[in-house]
Protein backbone atom coordinates (compact mmCIF):
# COMPACT_ATOMS: atom_id res chain seq x y z
CA MET A 1 0.00 0.00 0.00
CA ILE A 2 1.16 3.53 -0.83
CA SER A 3 -0.97 6.33 0.51
CA THR A 4 -1.62 9.99 -0.13
CA PRO A 5 -3.37 12.04 2.63
CA ARG A 6 -6.72 13.66 1.90
CA PRO A 7 -9.11 15.77 3.99
CA ALA A 8 -10.53 13.76 6.91
CA ARG A 9 -14.08 12.48 7.08
CA PRO A 10 -16.14 13.19 10.18
CA SER A 11 -15.68 10.60 12.94
CA GLY A 12 -18.60 8.26 13.63
CA SER A 13 -20.12 6.44 16.56
CA PRO A 14 -18.36 3.63 18.46
CA PRO A 15 -18.01 0.44 16.37
CA THR A 16 -20.81 -2.13 16.70
CA ASP A 17 -19.32 -4.99 14.63
CA GLN A 18 -16.19 -5.89 12.66
CA ALA A 19 -17.26 -4.13 9.48
CA HIS A 20 -18.25 -1.00 11.39
CA GLY A 21 -14.94 -0.99 13.23
CA LEU A 22 -13.01 -1.31 9.99
CA ARG A 23 -15.03 1.50 8.42
CA GLN A 24 -14.01 3.77 11.29
CA MET A 25 -10.38 2.65 11.02
CA PHE A 26 -10.26 3.87 7.41
CA ALA A 27 -12.47 6.93 7.87
CA ALA A 28 -9.61 9.37 7.22
CA ARG A 29 -9.44 10.40 3.57
CA VAL A 30 -6.25 8.73 2.39
CA LEU A 31 -5.72 7.53 -1.18
CA ARG A 32 -4.30 4.01 -1.00
CA PHE A 33 -2.62 2.15 -3.88
CA ILE A 34 -2.55 -1.66 -3.78
CA PRO A 35 -0.57 -3.77 -6.30
CA VAL A 36 -2.44 -6.91 -7.39
CA VAL A 37 -0.21 -9.28 -9.36
CA VAL A 38 -1.61 -10.73 -12.60
CA ASN A 39 -1.68 -14.53 -12.88
CA PRO A 40 -2.77 -15.44 -16.43
CA ARG A 41 -2.69 -19.16 -15.58
CA ALA A 42 -5.16 -18.86 -12.70
CA LEU A 43 -7.99 -17.13 -14.61
CA CYS A 44 -9.56 -15.72 -11.45
CA GLY A 45 -8.30 -12.13 -11.51
CA GLY A 46 -11.80 -10.78 -12.04
CA VAL A 47 -13.07 -12.66 -8.99
CA VAL A 48 -10.22 -11.36 -6.81
CA LEU A 49 -10.78 -7.74 -7.86
CA GLU A 50 -14.55 -8.06 -7.45
CA ARG A 51 -14.23 -9.47 -3.92
CA LEU A 52 -11.82 -6.71 -2.87
CA CYS A 53 -14.13 -4.03 -4.26
CA ALA A 54 -17.06 -5.53 -2.34
CA VAL A 55 -15.15 -5.46 0.95
CA TYR A 56 -13.92 -1.90 0.46
CA ALA A 57 -17.43 -0.77 -0.42
CA GLY A 58 -18.47 -2.24 2.93
CA PHE A 59 -15.79 -0.08 4.54
CA GLY A 60 -17.37 2.97 2.91
CA LEU A 61 -14.51 3.35 0.41
CA HIS A 62 -14.68 4.02 -3.33
CA THR A 63 -12.36 1.81 -5.38
CA LEU A 64 -10.80 2.43 -8.77
CA VAL A 65 -9.78 -0.79 -10.56
CA VAL A 66 -6.87 -0.11 -12.89
CA ASP A 67 -6.56 -3.12 -15.19
CA ALA A 68 -3.16 -3.03 -16.86
CA SER A 69 -3.00 -6.77 -17.46
CA GLN A 70 -2.21 -8.18 -20.88
CA HIS A 71 -5.81 -9.32 -21.26
CA ALA A 72 -7.39 -5.99 -20.35
CA ARG A 73 -9.16 -3.84 -22.91
CA ALA A 74 -7.04 -1.33 -24.74
CA PRO A 75 -7.47 2.14 -23.27
CA SER A 76 -9.46 4.74 -25.11
CA ALA A 77 -7.52 7.14 -27.29
CA LEU A 78 -8.30 10.06 -24.99
CA ALA A 79 -7.13 8.13 -21.89
CA GLU A 80 -3.64 7.96 -23.36
CA PHE A 81 -3.43 11.72 -22.90
CA ASP A 82 -5.71 12.21 -19.89
CA LEU A 83 -6.41 9.21 -17.66
CA SER A 84 -9.60 10.74 -16.30
CA GLU A 85 -11.14 10.35 -19.77
CA GLY A 86 -10.88 6.58 -19.42
CA VAL A 87 -12.34 6.21 -15.92
CA GLU A 88 -15.73 4.47 -16.10
CA PRO A 89 -18.14 4.39 -13.12
CA LEU A 90 -19.37 0.82 -12.62
CA SER A 91 -21.39 1.45 -9.47
CA HIS A 92 -21.67 3.91 -6.60
CA ASP A 93 -18.55 2.38 -5.04
CA VAL A 94 -16.46 1.16 -7.98
CA SER A 95 -14.82 2.76 -11.03
CA TYR A 96 -12.77 1.09 -13.74
CA LEU A 97 -9.89 2.12 -15.98
CA ALA A 98 -8.79 -0.07 -18.90
CA ALA A 99 -5.05 0.54 -18.76
CA ARG A 100 -3.28 -2.06 -20.87
CA GLY A 101 0.06 -0.52 -21.85
CA LEU A 102 -0.57 2.79 -20.05
CA PRO A 103 2.08 2.44 -17.30
CA LEU A 104 4.87 2.22 -19.87
CA ARG A 105 3.77 5.54 -21.36
CA HIS A 106 4.91 7.11 -18.08
CA ALA A 107 8.41 5.58 -18.14
CA ASP A 108 11.29 7.96 -17.43
CA MET A 109 14.96 7.69 -18.40
CA ARG A 110 15.59 5.16 -15.61
CA GLY A 111 12.71 2.93 -16.66
CA SER A 112 10.59 3.97 -13.71
CA CYS A 113 6.84 4.41 -14.25
CA ALA A 114 6.22 5.97 -10.83
CA SER A 115 4.60 9.06 -12.32
CA PHE A 116 1.71 6.79 -13.33
CA LEU A 117 0.60 6.82 -9.67
CA ASN A 118 0.44 10.62 -9.61
CA ALA A 119 -1.55 10.60 -12.84
CA LEU A 120 -4.01 8.09 -11.33
CA ALA A 121 -4.43 10.23 -8.22
CA ASP A 122 -5.26 13.23 -10.40
CA ALA A 123 -7.62 11.20 -12.57
CA ALA A 124 -9.71 9.85 -9.70
CA PRO A 125 -9.94 12.54 -6.98
CA LYS A 126 -13.01 10.94 -5.36
CA CYS A 127 -11.51 7.47 -5.00
CA ASP A 128 -10.12 6.07 -1.75
CA VAL A 129 -8.48 2.87 -3.04
CA VAL A 130 -6.70 2.17 -6.34
CA LEU A 131 -6.18 -1.50 -7.24
CA VAL A 132 -3.41 -1.71 -9.83
CA HIS A 133 -3.77 -5.09 -11.57
CA ALA A 134 -0.63 -5.70 -13.63
CA SER A 135 2.24 -8.09 -14.21
CA ALA A 136 4.98 -8.34 -11.61
CA SER A 137 7.50 -6.58 -13.86
CA GLU A 138 5.13 -3.70 -14.55
CA LEU A 139 4.26 -3.32 -10.86
CA VAL A 140 7.96 -3.10 -9.99
CA ARG A 141 8.38 -0.29 -12.53
CA VAL A 142 5.36 1.57 -11.15
CA PHE A 143 5.86 1.07 -7.40
CA GLY A 144 9.59 0.36 -7.22
CA PRO A 145 10.86 3.81 -6.17
CA HIS A 146 8.44 3.82 -3.21
CA ALA A 147 9.13 0.28 -2.00
CA GLN A 148 11.77 1.29 0.53
CA HIS A 149 9.55 3.97 2.11
CA ALA A 150 6.15 2.27 2.19
CA ASN A 151 4.57 -0.79 3.71
CA LEU A 152 4.34 -2.33 0.26
CA ARG A 153 2.74 -5.77 0.35
CA PRO A 154 1.59 -6.99 -3.08
CA LEU A 155 -1.36 -9.34 -3.36
CA VAL A 156 -0.55 -12.53 -5.25
CA PHE A 157 -3.20 -15.02 -6.33
CA THR A 158 -3.25 -18.47 -7.89
CA ASN A 159 -5.54 -21.44 -8.39
CA ASP A 160 -4.90 -24.95 -7.05
CA LYS A 161 -3.17 -26.12 -10.25
CA PRO A 162 0.59 -26.58 -10.86
CA GLU A 163 0.64 -24.02 -13.68
CA GLY A 164 -0.96 -21.36 -11.47
CA LEU A 165 1.55 -22.07 -8.70
CA THR A 166 4.48 -21.85 -11.14
CA GLU A 167 3.25 -18.48 -12.41
CA ALA A 168 2.78 -17.15 -8.86
CA TYR A 169 6.27 -18.26 -7.83
CA GLY A 170 7.77 -16.60 -10.91
CA SER A 171 6.05 -13.33 -9.95
CA VAL A 172 7.31 -13.50 -6.35
CA LYS A 173 10.83 -14.23 -7.64
CA LEU A 174 10.77 -11.27 -9.99
CA MET A 175 9.43 -8.89 -7.33
CA SER A 176 11.97 -10.02 -4.74
CA GLN A 177 14.93 -9.74 -7.11
CA ARG A 178 14.02 -6.60 -9.05
CA GLY A 179 11.94 -4.70 -6.53
CA HIS A 180 13.36 -6.10 -3.28
CA TRP A 181 9.77 -6.75 -2.13
CA LEU A 182 10.14 -9.50 0.42
CA ALA A 183 6.59 -9.85 1.75
CA TYR A 184 3.29 -10.60 0.06
CA ASP A 185 -0.21 -11.92 0.76
CA LEU A 186 -1.76 -14.81 -1.16
CA LEU A 187 -5.24 -15.77 -2.31
CA VAL A 188 -5.85 -19.33 -3.57
CA CYS A 189 -8.92 -19.57 -5.81
CA ALA A 190 -10.26 -23.06 -5.22
CA MET A 191 -13.44 -24.91 -4.40
CA PRO A 192 -14.04 -25.73 -0.70
CA GLN A 193 -13.52 -29.45 -1.37
CA SER A 194 -10.16 -28.93 -3.10
CA GLU A 195 -7.45 -31.12 -1.61
CA MET A 196 -4.66 -29.13 -3.27
CA ALA A 197 -5.31 -25.56 -2.09
CA ASP A 198 -3.51 -25.92 1.25
CA ALA A 199 -0.60 -27.71 -0.39
CA VAL A 200 -0.24 -24.98 -3.04
CA ALA A 201 -0.15 -22.23 -0.43
CA GLU A 202 2.30 -24.17 1.75
CA ARG A 203 4.62 -24.92 -1.16
CA LEU A 204 4.65 -21.34 -2.43
CA GLY A 205 5.38 -20.04 1.06
CA ARG A 206 8.15 -22.58 1.64
CA CYS A 207 9.84 -21.99 -1.74
CA SER A 208 9.58 -18.21 -1.37
CA ASP A 209 11.29 -18.45 2.01
CA GLN A 210 13.98 -20.98 1.14
CA PHE A 211 15.01 -19.75 -2.30
CA LEU A 212 14.09 -16.05 -2.32
CA GLY A 213 14.09 -14.94 1.31
CA ALA A 214 10.53 -13.70 0.81
CA VAL A 215 7.74 -13.99 3.39
CA GLN A 216 4.19 -15.12 2.67
CA ARG A 217 2.57 -13.12 5.44
CA ASP A 218 -0.97 -14.39 5.10
CA TRP A 219 -2.96 -16.60 2.77
CA LEU A 220 -6.61 -17.39 2.27
CA ARG A 221 -8.70 -19.68 0.08
CA ILE A 222 -11.62 -18.14 -1.82
CA ASN A 223 -14.32 -19.96 -3.73
CA PRO A 224 -14.31 -18.57 -7.31
CA HIS A 225 -17.90 -19.75 -7.84
CA GLU A 226 -19.32 -18.09 -4.74
CA PRO A 227 -21.95 -15.45 -5.65
CA SER A 228 -20.62 -11.89 -5.53
CA SER A 229 -23.53 -10.99 -3.26
CA HIS A 230 -22.29 -13.42 -0.59
CA GLU A 231 -21.20 -11.79 2.67
CA PRO A 232 -17.37 -11.63 2.86
CA SER A 233 -15.84 -13.82 5.53
CA PRO A 234 -14.19 -12.17 8.56
CA ARG A 235 -10.83 -13.59 7.45
CA PHE A 236 -11.15 -12.06 3.98
CA MET A 237 -12.13 -8.72 5.51
CA GLU A 238 -9.04 -8.85 7.72
CA LEU A 239 -6.76 -9.63 4.77
CA ALA A 240 -8.29 -6.85 2.66
CA ALA A 241 -7.97 -4.40 5.57
CA GLY A 242 -4.33 -5.40 6.03
CA LEU A 243 -3.57 -4.37 2.45
CA LEU A 244 -4.78 -0.87 3.29
CA GLN A 245 -2.68 -0.34 6.40
């Protein structure tokens, strides 16, 4: 998470449940950027982004989804010059920006795309959370200069298949070696009856530690076929809140 302060919201009443308490925790107007690592082998990126948006809406936060993955729509011609022209409202709590290829348009002489974050902040002044969904290499270019000064914890996801695990490990390796990001959270998209989900999470955590020196701070299984209207679990709410802190 990388944050930019904004004017504070009025404080509310004492918390009555977990969701209410988390809403109060994030009541201050702070723009938060969260890197979400693309996994083209897992095919559950849409589910992950949707679940995060649902939780943040429950916290009273407006989320901008910036999809810079290789499978995202191409941005509109106007968005290439002014990102605000490409921001689409999807609901009261969620906006979307098709951003395939846009980070690289902000590359400087050192290969850094950090100015893309400033452009996003200007393009979405009413948003509280920006989910940047992109490849590990692109996320390092965008967030890299801030990694040493922020509590940067990317969100990695996979399915319960070997190919998804291999892709996730490759992303963690790239981020640890290029961006020196040595901590991440993990979501495993798998059915409740899956016998492989725990093993996938355990293996990724063990390999990240032994071979890369990276820490898998937390992991959680989510059911990719669960209706989007389903109430988020307390554990998922805690993980999503941790990405904001």
